[in-house]
Amino acid sequence: MTLEMRYREKREECQRILTDAALKHELQERIEDLAAFLGEQTEAVTEYSEPLAWRLVEKVTVYDEKLVVEFKSGLGVEVEA
């Protein structure tokens, strides 16, 4: 393996590490934001909350037989219609 190839390999590895760190930081910020929002709530959430939905839900896809709810965390849930 040439020196140039090793350099490129290490540079790509460094880029992957920086990207992973940025994603972890972004996720940590979202968790802290949600925790602060939930900490402001004075009562248990027992019914639909528009502000909470906007903070949690990325998108909802409607099909004839089901709904697919995709959360900002990346998780998804299918709900039978």
Protein backbone atom coordinates (compact mmCIF):
# COMPACT_ATOMS: atom_id res chain seq x y z
CA MET A 1 0.00 0.00 0.00
CA THR A 2 1.46 3.33 -1.02
CA LEU A 3 1.73 6.31 1.27
CA GLU A 4 -0.86 8.17 -0.80
CA MET A 5 -3.36 5.31 -0.46
CA ARG A 6 -2.83 5.20 3.31
CA TYR A 7 -3.31 8.96 3.48
CA ARG A 8 -6.62 8.77 1.59
CA GLU A 9 -7.78 5.88 3.76
CA LYS A 10 -7.02 7.82 6.97
CA ARG A 11 -8.65 10.94 5.57
CA GLU A 12 -11.85 9.00 4.79
CA GLU A 13 -11.78 7.44 8.24
CA CYS A 14 -11.42 10.88 9.80
CA GLN A 15 -14.36 12.17 7.74
CA ARG A 16 -16.52 9.24 8.92
CA ILE A 17 -15.60 9.94 12.54
CA LEU A 18 -16.46 13.63 12.17
CA THR A 19 -19.78 12.79 10.51
CA ASP A 20 -20.66 10.31 13.26
CA ALA A 21 -19.79 12.88 15.92
CA ALA A 22 -21.99 15.51 14.25
CA LEU A 23 -24.92 13.08 14.06
CA LYS A 24 -24.51 12.15 17.74
CA HIS A 25 -24.38 15.84 18.68
CA GLU A 26 -27.55 16.55 16.69
CA LEU A 27 -29.34 13.64 18.34
CA GLN A 28 -28.21 14.79 21.78
CA GLU A 29 -29.57 18.29 21.08
CA ARG A 30 -32.94 16.84 20.02
CA ILE A 31 -33.09 14.70 23.16
CA GLU A 32 -32.27 17.70 25.37
CA ASP A 33 -34.87 19.84 23.58
CA LEU A 34 -37.55 17.18 24.03
CA ALA A 35 -36.58 16.61 27.67
CA ALA A 36 -36.85 20.35 28.35
CA PHE A 37 -40.24 20.49 26.61
CA LEU A 38 -41.56 17.52 28.58
CA GLY A 39 -40.17 19.04 31.79
CA GLU A 40 -42.30 22.14 31.17
CA GLN A 41 -45.47 20.04 31.07
CA THR A 42 -47.45 20.37 34.28
CA GLU A 43 -49.70 17.36 33.64
CA ALA A 44 -49.46 13.92 32.08
CA VAL A 45 -50.21 13.88 28.35
CA THR A 46 -53.55 12.08 28.09
CA GLU A 47 -54.83 13.51 24.82
CA TYR A 48 -53.53 14.86 21.53
CA SER A 49 -51.06 17.71 21.93
CA GLU A 50 -50.27 19.76 18.84
CA PRO A 51 -46.94 21.12 20.18
CA LEU A 52 -45.82 17.63 21.20
CA ALA A 53 -46.81 16.16 17.83
CA TRP A 54 -44.78 18.84 16.01
CA ARG A 55 -41.73 18.01 18.10
CA LEU A 56 -41.97 14.24 17.68
CA VAL A 57 -43.47 13.43 14.28
CA GLU A 58 -41.51 13.83 11.05
CA LYS A 59 -44.31 12.73 8.69
CA VAL A 60 -47.43 10.62 8.39
CA THR A 61 -48.13 8.64 5.22
CA VAL A 62 -51.73 7.59 4.62
CA TYR A 63 -52.50 4.39 2.71
CA ASP A 64 -55.88 2.78 2.09
CA GLU A 65 -55.31 0.09 4.70
CA LYS A 66 -52.87 1.76 7.14
CA LEU A 67 -51.06 4.87 8.36
CA VAL A 68 -47.29 5.03 8.67
CA VAL A 69 -46.01 7.48 11.27
CA GLU A 70 -42.33 8.38 11.00
CA PHE A 71 -40.78 10.05 14.02
CA LYS A 72 -37.90 12.50 13.98
CA SER A 73 -35.86 9.91 15.85
CA GLY A 74 -35.99 7.69 12.76
CA LEU A 75 -38.41 5.17 14.22
CA GLY A 76 -41.58 4.29 12.36
CA VAL A 77 -44.94 2.83 13.37
CA GLU A 78 -47.63 1.31 11.19
CA VAL A 79 -51.22 1.77 12.34
CA GLU A 80 -53.98 -0.32 10.79
CA ALA A 81 -56.81 1.87 9.47
